[in-house]
């Protein structure tokens, strides 16, 4: 009896981890505009969900099954977000403000393949240089590292653009020309 209940708990836990991982990835794919891939993932997701939920509902009298379901859900969210981080879909726009206006930061970032737009800005304590840097998300951490090496005191804000249109840089990135 104990073996059966332990096996049931493990099955429910694993099924729910897999289900919620698929759920998380599907949601992210949908938000990023990959609707056909998201639709395919949702077909797999719903089969896993029905099987897992059926197992729990058939065995509601055993609290450990419900607990396994809940724990699997939480672990699935973590696993799904970790997978999404590795997939790194889309682009990131990074705003950088440097205290030193004459720094060579824009040239160095362009040399590495990033799309950079700069302008003069005024801060509380005087002149600043502002930069907007566009990069695929998979190069986001490398970009931060590069900026911090050149200007450790740079102010950095990042966000994900919803849509990108025009410009020469996006065409180059789609052709795989960003330096790694």
N, C-alpha and C. Protein backbone atom coordinates (compact mmCIF):
# COMPACT_ATOMS: atom_id res chain seq x y z
N UNK A 1 0.84 -1.21 0.00
CA UNK A 1 0.00 0.00 0.00
C UNK A 1 0.87 1.25 0.00
N UNK A 2 1.92 1.27 0.86
CA UNK A 2 2.79 2.43 0.94
C UNK A 2 3.51 2.67 -0.38
N UNK A 3 3.94 1.60 -1.03
CA UNK A 3 4.62 1.74 -2.31
C UNK A 3 3.70 2.37 -3.36
N UNK A 4 2.45 1.92 -3.38
CA UNK A 4 1.48 2.46 -4.34
C UNK A 4 1.24 3.95 -4.10
N UNK A 5 1.11 4.36 -2.85
CA UNK A 5 0.83 5.77 -2.57
C UNK A 5 2.06 6.63 -2.87
N UNK A 6 3.25 6.10 -2.63
CA UNK A 6 4.47 6.85 -2.95
C UNK A 6 4.64 6.98 -4.45
N UNK A 7 4.36 5.93 -5.18
CA UNK A 7 4.43 5.98 -6.65
C UNK A 7 3.42 6.98 -7.18
N UNK A 8 2.20 6.97 -6.62
CA UNK A 8 1.16 7.91 -7.05
C UNK A 8 1.60 9.35 -6.80
N UNK A 9 2.17 9.62 -5.65
CA UNK A 9 2.66 10.96 -5.32
C UNK A 9 3.73 11.39 -6.32
N UNK A 10 4.68 10.51 -6.61
CA UNK A 10 5.74 10.84 -7.56
C UNK A 10 5.20 11.08 -8.97
N UNK A 11 4.25 10.26 -9.39
CA UNK A 11 3.65 10.44 -10.72
C UNK A 11 2.94 11.79 -10.80
N UNK A 12 2.14 12.11 -9.78
CA UNK A 12 1.42 13.38 -9.76
C UNK A 12 2.40 14.55 -9.75
N UNK A 13 3.43 14.45 -8.95
CA UNK A 13 4.44 15.51 -8.86
C UNK A 13 5.10 15.74 -10.22
N UNK A 14 5.56 14.67 -10.84
CA UNK A 14 6.25 14.79 -12.14
C UNK A 14 5.32 15.30 -13.22
N UNK A 15 4.10 14.76 -13.26
CA UNK A 15 3.14 15.22 -14.27
C UNK A 15 2.87 16.71 -14.12
N UNK A 16 2.72 17.17 -12.90
CA UNK A 16 2.41 18.59 -12.71
C UNK A 16 3.62 19.48 -13.01
N UNK A 17 4.80 19.02 -12.70
CA UNK A 17 6.00 19.80 -13.07
C UNK A 17 6.05 19.95 -14.59
N UNK A 18 5.83 18.87 -15.30
CA UNK A 18 5.86 18.92 -16.77
C UNK A 18 4.74 19.79 -17.30
N UNK A 19 3.53 19.62 -16.75
CA UNK A 19 2.38 20.41 -17.21
C UNK A 19 2.63 21.91 -17.03
N UNK A 20 3.03 22.32 -15.85
CA UNK A 20 3.20 23.75 -15.57
C UNK A 20 4.39 24.31 -16.34
N UNK A 21 5.40 23.50 -16.57
CA UNK A 21 6.52 23.94 -17.42
C UNK A 21 6.00 24.26 -18.82
N UNK A 22 5.21 23.36 -19.39
CA UNK A 22 4.62 23.61 -20.70
C UNK A 22 3.70 24.83 -20.67
N UNK A 23 2.91 24.95 -19.61
CA UNK A 23 2.01 26.09 -19.45
C UNK A 23 2.78 27.41 -19.45
N UNK A 24 3.86 27.47 -18.68
CA UNK A 24 4.67 28.68 -18.59
C UNK A 24 5.30 29.02 -19.93
N UNK A 25 5.85 28.03 -20.59
CA UNK A 25 6.48 28.26 -21.90
C UNK A 25 5.43 28.71 -22.92
N UNK A 26 4.25 28.09 -22.88
CA UNK A 26 3.18 28.48 -23.81
C UNK A 26 2.77 29.93 -23.61
N UNK A 27 2.63 30.33 -22.36
CA UNK A 27 2.25 31.72 -22.07
C UNK A 27 3.30 32.70 -22.60
N UNK A 28 4.55 32.38 -22.41
CA UNK A 28 5.62 33.25 -22.87
C UNK A 28 5.65 33.29 -24.40
N UNK A 29 5.50 32.14 -25.03
CA UNK A 29 5.45 32.10 -26.49
C UNK A 29 4.29 32.93 -27.02
N UNK A 30 3.14 32.85 -26.36
CA UNK A 30 1.98 33.62 -26.77
C UNK A 30 2.26 35.12 -26.64
N UNK A 31 2.83 35.51 -25.52
CA UNK A 31 3.14 36.93 -25.29
C UNK A 31 4.17 37.46 -26.28
N UNK A 32 5.08 36.61 -26.73
CA UNK A 32 6.13 37.02 -27.66
C UNK A 32 5.67 36.94 -29.12
N UNK A 33 4.44 36.45 -29.35
CA UNK A 33 3.90 36.42 -30.71
C UNK A 33 4.14 35.14 -31.48
N UNK A 34 4.62 34.09 -30.82
CA UNK A 34 4.84 32.80 -31.48
C UNK A 34 3.57 31.95 -31.35
N UNK A 35 2.48 32.40 -31.97
CA UNK A 35 1.17 31.80 -31.73
C UNK A 35 1.06 30.36 -32.22
N UNK A 36 1.68 30.00 -33.32
CA UNK A 36 1.54 28.63 -33.83
C UNK A 36 2.32 27.63 -32.99
N UNK A 37 3.50 28.03 -32.56
CA UNK A 37 4.27 27.16 -31.66
C UNK A 37 3.53 27.05 -30.33
N UNK A 38 2.97 28.16 -29.85
CA UNK A 38 2.21 28.16 -28.60
C UNK A 38 0.99 27.24 -28.71
N UNK A 39 0.33 27.24 -29.85
CA UNK A 39 -0.83 26.37 -30.04
C UNK A 39 -0.42 24.90 -29.98
N UNK A 40 0.70 24.57 -30.59
CA UNK A 40 1.19 23.18 -30.55
C UNK A 40 1.54 22.79 -29.11
N UNK A 41 2.25 23.66 -28.41
CA UNK A 41 2.63 23.38 -27.02
C UNK A 41 1.37 23.20 -26.16
N UNK A 42 0.33 23.99 -26.43
CA UNK A 42 -0.90 23.89 -25.64
C UNK A 42 -1.60 22.55 -25.83
N UNK A 43 -1.47 21.95 -27.02
CA UNK A 43 -2.09 20.64 -27.24
C UNK A 43 -1.42 19.58 -26.35
N UNK A 44 -0.10 19.63 -26.26
CA UNK A 44 0.62 18.70 -25.39
C UNK A 44 0.28 19.01 -23.93
N UNK A 45 0.27 20.29 -23.61
CA UNK A 45 0.01 20.74 -22.24
C UNK A 45 -1.34 20.24 -21.73
N UNK A 46 -2.38 20.35 -22.53
CA UNK A 46 -3.72 19.98 -22.06
C UNK A 46 -3.85 18.49 -21.83
N UNK A 47 -3.17 17.67 -22.63
CA UNK A 47 -3.20 16.22 -22.40
C UNK A 47 -2.54 15.89 -21.06
N UNK A 48 -1.40 16.49 -20.81
CA UNK A 48 -0.70 16.27 -19.54
C UNK A 48 -1.57 16.73 -18.37
N UNK A 49 -2.20 17.89 -18.53
CA UNK A 49 -3.05 18.46 -17.48
C UNK A 49 -4.21 17.52 -17.14
N UNK A 50 -4.90 17.04 -18.15
CA UNK A 50 -6.06 16.18 -17.92
C UNK A 50 -5.65 14.90 -17.21
N UNK A 51 -4.55 14.30 -17.61
CA UNK A 51 -4.07 13.07 -16.97
C UNK A 51 -3.73 13.35 -15.50
N UNK A 52 -2.97 14.41 -15.25
CA UNK A 52 -2.56 14.73 -13.88
C UNK A 52 -3.73 15.09 -12.98
N UNK A 53 -4.63 15.93 -13.49
CA UNK A 53 -5.79 16.32 -12.70
C UNK A 53 -6.69 15.11 -12.44
N UNK A 54 -6.82 14.24 -13.43
CA UNK A 54 -7.62 13.03 -13.25
C UNK A 54 -7.08 12.16 -12.13
N UNK A 55 -5.77 12.01 -12.08
CA UNK A 55 -5.16 11.21 -11.02
C UNK A 55 -5.44 11.80 -9.64
N UNK A 56 -5.35 13.12 -9.53
CA UNK A 56 -5.61 13.78 -8.25
C UNK A 56 -7.08 13.64 -7.87
N UNK A 57 -7.97 13.90 -8.82
CA UNK A 57 -9.40 13.84 -8.51
C UNK A 57 -9.86 12.42 -8.17
N UNK A 58 -9.25 11.43 -8.80
CA UNK A 58 -9.58 10.04 -8.48
C UNK A 58 -9.09 9.63 -7.09
N UNK A 59 -8.15 10.38 -6.55
CA UNK A 59 -7.54 10.03 -5.26
C UNK A 59 -7.57 11.21 -4.29
N UNK A 60 -8.67 11.94 -4.28
CA UNK A 60 -8.78 13.11 -3.41
C UNK A 60 -8.77 12.76 -1.92
N UNK A 61 -9.07 11.55 -1.60
CA UNK A 61 -9.10 11.16 -0.19
C UNK A 61 -7.70 11.06 0.41
N UNK A 62 -6.66 11.18 -0.41
CA UNK A 62 -5.29 11.11 0.10
C UNK A 62 -4.63 12.49 -0.07
N UNK A 63 -4.44 13.16 1.03
CA UNK A 63 -3.95 14.55 1.03
C UNK A 63 -2.58 14.68 0.39
N UNK A 64 -1.75 13.64 0.49
CA UNK A 64 -0.41 13.72 -0.09
C UNK A 64 -0.46 13.91 -1.60
N UNK A 65 -1.51 13.44 -2.25
CA UNK A 65 -1.65 13.64 -3.70
C UNK A 65 -1.90 15.10 -4.03
N UNK A 66 -2.74 15.73 -3.23
CA UNK A 66 -3.02 17.16 -3.43
C UNK A 66 -1.77 17.99 -3.14
N UNK A 67 -1.04 17.61 -2.10
CA UNK A 67 0.21 18.30 -1.77
C UNK A 67 1.23 18.13 -2.90
N UNK A 68 1.34 16.93 -3.43
CA UNK A 68 2.25 16.68 -4.56
C UNK A 68 1.86 17.53 -5.76
N UNK A 69 0.56 17.65 -6.00
CA UNK A 69 0.06 18.47 -7.11
C UNK A 69 0.50 19.93 -6.93
N UNK A 70 0.32 20.46 -5.71
CA UNK A 70 0.68 21.85 -5.42
C UNK A 70 2.19 22.08 -5.52
N UNK A 71 2.97 21.17 -4.98
CA UNK A 71 4.43 21.29 -5.04
C UNK A 71 4.90 21.20 -6.49
N UNK A 72 4.34 20.28 -7.25
CA UNK A 72 4.67 20.14 -8.66
C UNK A 72 4.36 21.41 -9.44
N UNK A 73 3.27 22.06 -9.08
CA UNK A 73 2.89 23.31 -9.74
C UNK A 73 3.97 24.37 -9.52
N UNK A 74 4.38 24.54 -8.26
CA UNK A 74 5.41 25.53 -7.95
C UNK A 74 6.74 25.23 -8.63
N UNK A 75 7.15 23.99 -8.60
CA UNK A 75 8.41 23.60 -9.25
C UNK A 75 8.30 23.80 -10.76
N UNK A 76 7.13 23.52 -11.33
CA UNK A 76 6.91 23.70 -12.76
C UNK A 76 7.08 25.15 -13.20
N UNK A 77 6.62 26.08 -12.37
CA UNK A 77 6.79 27.51 -12.69
C UNK A 77 8.28 27.85 -12.74
N UNK A 78 9.03 27.37 -11.77
CA UNK A 78 10.47 27.64 -11.73
C UNK A 78 11.16 27.03 -12.94
N UNK A 79 10.86 25.77 -13.24
CA UNK A 79 11.48 25.09 -14.39
C UNK A 79 11.11 25.81 -15.69
N UNK A 80 9.84 26.18 -15.85
CA UNK A 80 9.40 26.87 -17.06
C UNK A 80 10.10 28.20 -17.27
N UNK A 81 10.26 28.98 -16.19
CA UNK A 81 10.95 30.27 -16.34
C UNK A 81 12.43 30.10 -16.61
N UNK A 82 13.04 29.06 -16.04
CA UNK A 82 14.45 28.79 -16.33
C UNK A 82 14.64 28.42 -17.80
N UNK A 83 13.74 27.60 -18.33
CA UNK A 83 13.81 27.24 -19.75
C UNK A 83 13.62 28.47 -20.62
N UNK A 84 12.68 29.33 -20.25
CA UNK A 84 12.45 30.55 -21.02
C UNK A 84 13.68 31.45 -21.00
N UNK A 85 14.35 31.54 -19.86
CA UNK A 85 15.58 32.33 -19.79
C UNK A 85 16.63 31.80 -20.77
N UNK A 86 16.71 30.49 -20.89
CA UNK A 86 17.67 29.89 -21.82
C UNK A 86 17.26 30.13 -23.27
N UNK A 87 15.95 30.11 -23.55
CA UNK A 87 15.47 30.37 -24.90
C UNK A 87 15.72 31.83 -25.29
N UNK A 88 15.55 32.75 -24.33
CA UNK A 88 15.82 34.19 -24.51
C UNK A 88 15.23 34.73 -25.82
N UNK A 89 13.94 34.60 -25.97
CA UNK A 89 13.27 35.06 -27.18
C UNK A 89 13.16 36.58 -27.21
N UNK A 90 13.23 37.15 -28.39
CA UNK A 90 12.99 38.58 -28.55
C UNK A 90 14.22 39.44 -28.34
N UNK A 91 13.92 40.72 -28.19
CA UNK A 91 14.96 41.74 -28.05
C UNK A 91 14.83 42.44 -26.71
N UNK A 92 15.88 43.15 -26.35
CA UNK A 92 15.86 43.97 -25.14
C UNK A 92 16.40 45.34 -25.52
N UNK A 93 15.78 46.37 -24.99
CA UNK A 93 16.24 47.74 -25.18
C UNK A 93 16.83 48.19 -23.85
N UNK A 94 18.07 48.65 -23.91
CA UNK A 94 18.77 49.05 -22.69
C UNK A 94 19.09 50.54 -22.79
N UNK A 95 18.60 51.30 -21.83
CA UNK A 95 18.95 52.72 -21.73
C UNK A 95 20.12 52.84 -20.77
N UNK A 96 21.14 53.55 -21.20
CA UNK A 96 22.34 53.72 -20.40
C UNK A 96 22.62 55.21 -20.28
N UNK A 97 22.91 55.66 -19.07
CA UNK A 97 23.30 57.05 -18.85
C UNK A 97 24.66 57.03 -18.17
N UNK A 98 25.62 57.71 -18.81
CA UNK A 98 26.97 57.74 -18.27
C UNK A 98 27.31 59.14 -17.80
N UNK A 99 28.10 59.23 -16.77
CA UNK A 99 28.51 60.52 -16.23
C UNK A 99 29.54 61.20 -17.12
N UNK A 100 30.41 60.38 -17.69
CA UNK A 100 31.48 60.90 -18.54
C UNK A 100 30.98 60.98 -19.98
N UNK A 101 30.83 62.19 -20.50
CA UNK A 101 30.27 62.34 -21.84
C UNK A 101 31.23 61.89 -22.93
N UNK A 102 32.52 61.98 -22.69
CA UNK A 102 33.47 61.68 -23.76
C UNK A 102 33.91 60.21 -23.78
N UNK A 103 33.27 59.36 -23.05
CA UNK A 103 33.64 57.94 -23.04
C UNK A 103 33.49 57.33 -24.43
N UNK A 104 34.21 56.28 -24.66
CA UNK A 104 34.21 55.60 -25.95
C UNK A 104 33.18 54.46 -25.98
N UNK A 105 32.23 54.50 -25.08
CA UNK A 105 31.26 53.43 -24.94
C UNK A 105 30.45 53.16 -26.22
N UNK A 106 29.87 54.17 -26.87
CA UNK A 106 29.07 53.87 -28.08
C UNK A 106 29.88 53.17 -29.17
N UNK A 107 31.09 53.65 -29.42
CA UNK A 107 31.92 53.06 -30.46
C UNK A 107 32.25 51.61 -30.14
N UNK A 108 32.60 51.35 -28.89
CA UNK A 108 32.96 49.99 -28.49
C UNK A 108 31.75 49.05 -28.60
N UNK A 109 30.57 49.52 -28.21
CA UNK A 109 29.37 48.68 -28.30
C UNK A 109 29.01 48.41 -29.76
N UNK A 110 29.16 49.42 -30.61
CA UNK A 110 28.88 49.22 -32.04
C UNK A 110 29.87 48.23 -32.65
N UNK A 111 31.13 48.31 -32.22
CA UNK A 111 32.15 47.38 -32.71
C UNK A 111 31.77 45.94 -32.37
N UNK A 112 31.14 45.75 -31.21
CA UNK A 112 30.71 44.40 -30.80
C UNK A 112 29.41 43.98 -31.47
N UNK A 113 28.79 44.89 -32.24
CA UNK A 113 27.61 44.52 -33.00
C UNK A 113 26.28 45.00 -32.45
N UNK A 114 26.29 45.75 -31.36
CA UNK A 114 25.04 46.24 -30.79
C UNK A 114 24.54 47.46 -31.56
N UNK A 115 23.22 47.63 -31.59
CA UNK A 115 22.63 48.83 -32.17
C UNK A 115 22.63 49.91 -31.11
N UNK A 116 23.26 51.05 -31.38
CA UNK A 116 23.42 52.10 -30.37
C UNK A 116 23.00 53.44 -30.95
N UNK A 117 22.18 54.16 -30.19
CA UNK A 117 21.83 55.54 -30.50
C UNK A 117 22.22 56.37 -29.28
N UNK A 118 22.88 57.52 -29.51
CA UNK A 118 23.32 58.34 -28.38
C UNK A 118 22.81 59.77 -28.53
N UNK A 119 22.79 60.47 -27.43
CA UNK A 119 22.46 61.89 -27.42
C UNK A 119 22.95 62.52 -26.12
N UNK A 120 23.06 63.84 -26.15
CA UNK A 120 23.48 64.57 -24.95
C UNK A 120 22.28 64.71 -24.02
N UNK A 121 22.54 64.56 -22.73
CA UNK A 121 21.46 64.65 -21.75
C UNK A 121 21.92 65.52 -20.59
N UNK A 122 20.97 66.04 -19.84
CA UNK A 122 21.26 66.83 -18.65
C UNK A 122 20.77 66.09 -17.42
N UNK A 123 21.68 65.86 -16.48
CA UNK A 123 21.32 65.23 -15.22
C UNK A 123 21.35 66.26 -14.11
N UNK A 124 21.07 65.85 -12.90
CA UNK A 124 21.06 66.74 -11.74
C UNK A 124 22.42 67.42 -11.55
N UNK A 125 23.49 66.68 -11.83
CA UNK A 125 24.83 67.20 -11.61
C UNK A 125 25.54 67.59 -12.91
N UNK A 126 24.81 67.81 -14.00
CA UNK A 126 25.46 68.28 -15.22
C UNK A 126 25.24 67.41 -16.44
N UNK A 127 26.18 67.59 -17.41
CA UNK A 127 26.07 66.89 -18.68
C UNK A 127 26.24 65.38 -18.52
N UNK A 128 25.47 64.66 -19.31
CA UNK A 128 25.54 63.20 -19.33
C UNK A 128 25.46 62.76 -20.79
N UNK A 129 25.82 61.51 -21.03
CA UNK A 129 25.60 60.92 -22.33
C UNK A 129 24.54 59.83 -22.14
N UNK A 130 23.50 59.87 -22.96
CA UNK A 130 22.45 58.85 -22.91
C UNK A 130 22.59 57.95 -24.13
N UNK A 131 22.39 56.67 -23.92
CA UNK A 131 22.47 55.70 -25.00
C UNK A 131 21.23 54.81 -24.96
N UNK A 132 20.76 54.44 -26.13
CA UNK A 132 19.78 53.38 -26.25
C UNK A 132 20.47 52.26 -27.01
N UNK A 133 20.46 51.07 -26.43
CA UNK A 133 21.15 49.94 -27.03
C UNK A 133 20.13 48.82 -27.25
N UNK A 134 20.06 48.34 -28.49
CA UNK A 134 19.14 47.25 -28.82
C UNK A 134 19.96 45.98 -29.03
N UNK A 135 19.49 44.89 -28.42
CA UNK A 135 20.19 43.62 -28.56
C UNK A 135 19.21 42.46 -28.43
N UNK A 136 19.52 41.33 -29.06
CA UNK A 136 18.72 40.13 -28.78
C UNK A 136 18.86 39.77 -27.30
N UNK A 137 17.82 39.24 -26.69
CA UNK A 137 17.86 38.91 -25.27
C UNK A 137 18.98 37.95 -24.91
N UNK A 138 19.37 37.09 -25.85
CA UNK A 138 20.41 36.12 -25.51
C UNK A 138 21.76 36.78 -25.27
N UNK A 139 21.92 38.03 -25.68
CA UNK A 139 23.17 38.76 -25.44
C UNK A 139 23.03 39.81 -24.33
N UNK A 140 21.91 39.80 -23.63
CA UNK A 140 21.63 40.81 -22.61
C UNK A 140 22.69 40.86 -21.51
N UNK A 141 23.01 39.73 -20.93
CA UNK A 141 23.98 39.71 -19.83
C UNK A 141 25.37 40.12 -20.29
N UNK A 142 25.74 39.71 -21.51
CA UNK A 142 27.03 40.11 -22.07
C UNK A 142 27.08 41.63 -22.24
N UNK A 143 25.97 42.22 -22.67
CA UNK A 143 25.90 43.67 -22.83
C UNK A 143 26.10 44.37 -21.49
N UNK A 144 25.41 43.92 -20.46
CA UNK A 144 25.57 44.53 -19.13
C UNK A 144 27.01 44.45 -18.66
N UNK A 145 27.62 43.30 -18.87
CA UNK A 145 29.01 43.10 -18.46
C UNK A 145 29.93 44.07 -19.19
N UNK A 146 29.73 44.22 -20.50
CA UNK A 146 30.55 45.12 -21.30
C UNK A 146 30.40 46.56 -20.82
N UNK A 147 29.17 46.99 -20.58
CA UNK A 147 28.92 48.36 -20.11
C UNK A 147 29.59 48.58 -18.76
N UNK A 148 29.44 47.64 -17.85
CA UNK A 148 30.02 47.79 -16.51
C UNK A 148 31.54 47.79 -16.53
N UNK A 149 32.15 47.06 -17.48
CA UNK A 149 33.61 47.07 -17.59
C UNK A 149 34.10 48.44 -18.06
N UNK A 150 33.37 49.05 -18.97
CA UNK A 150 33.77 50.35 -19.50
C UNK A 150 33.42 51.48 -18.54
N UNK A 151 32.23 51.42 -17.95
CA UNK A 151 31.80 52.45 -17.00
C UNK A 151 31.04 51.79 -15.86
N UNK A 152 31.75 51.44 -14.78
CA UNK A 152 31.11 50.75 -13.66
C UNK A 152 29.99 51.56 -12.99
N UNK A 153 29.98 52.88 -13.18
CA UNK A 153 28.98 53.72 -12.54
C UNK A 153 27.82 54.08 -13.47
N UNK A 154 27.77 53.44 -14.64
CA UNK A 154 26.70 53.73 -15.59
C UNK A 154 25.35 53.37 -14.98
N UNK A 155 24.34 54.19 -15.29
CA UNK A 155 22.97 53.94 -14.88
C UNK A 155 22.30 53.17 -16.01
N UNK A 156 21.74 52.00 -15.70
CA UNK A 156 21.21 51.10 -16.73
C UNK A 156 19.76 50.75 -16.42
N UNK A 157 18.91 50.91 -17.44
CA UNK A 157 17.51 50.49 -17.35
C UNK A 157 17.22 49.66 -18.59
N UNK A 158 16.55 48.52 -18.43
CA UNK A 158 16.25 47.66 -19.57
C UNK A 158 14.76 47.38 -19.64
N UNK A 159 14.26 47.23 -20.86
CA UNK A 159 12.88 46.83 -21.08
C UNK A 159 12.79 46.10 -22.40
N UNK A 160 11.69 45.38 -22.59
CA UNK A 160 11.49 44.64 -23.83
C UNK A 160 10.56 45.42 -24.75
N UNK A 161 11.04 45.76 -25.94
CA UNK A 161 10.16 46.45 -26.89
C UNK A 161 9.10 45.49 -27.42
N UNK A 162 7.90 46.01 -27.59
CA UNK A 162 6.79 45.19 -28.10
C UNK A 162 6.92 44.99 -29.61
N UNK A 163 7.32 46.04 -30.31
CA UNK A 163 7.45 45.95 -31.77
C UNK A 163 8.67 46.74 -32.21
N UNK A 164 9.31 46.26 -33.26
CA UNK A 164 10.47 46.94 -33.84
C UNK A 164 10.22 47.04 -35.33
N UNK A 165 10.43 48.23 -35.87
CA UNK A 165 10.24 48.43 -37.30
C UNK A 165 11.35 49.35 -37.82
N UNK A 166 11.92 48.98 -38.93
CA UNK A 166 12.91 49.83 -39.58
C UNK A 166 14.29 49.73 -38.96
N UNK A 167 15.19 50.51 -39.52
CA UNK A 167 16.56 50.52 -39.04
C UNK A 167 17.38 49.42 -39.70
N UNK A 168 18.67 49.69 -39.83
CA UNK A 168 19.55 48.72 -40.48
C UNK A 168 19.96 47.61 -39.53
N UNK A 169 19.97 47.88 -38.24
CA UNK A 169 20.52 46.95 -37.28
C UNK A 169 19.70 45.67 -37.17
N UNK A 170 18.39 45.76 -37.15
CA UNK A 170 17.53 44.59 -37.00
C UNK A 170 17.76 43.62 -38.16
N UNK A 171 17.92 44.15 -39.37
CA UNK A 171 18.18 43.28 -40.53
C UNK A 171 19.50 42.53 -40.35
N UNK A 172 20.52 43.21 -39.84
CA UNK A 172 21.83 42.58 -39.64
C UNK A 172 21.75 41.48 -38.59
N UNK A 173 20.99 41.71 -37.52
CA UNK A 173 20.87 40.72 -36.46
C UNK A 173 20.12 39.50 -36.96
N UNK A 174 19.06 39.72 -37.73
CA UNK A 174 18.30 38.59 -38.27
C UNK A 174 19.14 37.74 -39.20
N UNK A 175 20.17 38.33 -39.79
CA UNK A 175 21.08 37.57 -40.65
C UNK A 175 22.24 36.99 -39.84
N UNK A 176 22.24 37.18 -38.52
CA UNK A 176 23.26 36.58 -37.67
C UNK A 176 24.57 37.32 -37.64
N UNK A 177 24.53 38.63 -37.82
CA UNK A 177 25.79 39.39 -37.88
C UNK A 177 26.24 40.01 -36.56
N UNK A 178 25.51 39.79 -35.47
CA UNK A 178 25.95 40.35 -34.18
C UNK A 178 27.16 39.56 -33.70
N UNK A 179 28.20 40.28 -33.29
CA UNK A 179 29.41 39.61 -32.78
C UNK A 179 29.11 38.88 -31.50
N UNK A 180 29.65 37.72 -31.34
CA UNK A 180 29.37 36.95 -30.14
C UNK A 180 30.48 37.15 -29.18
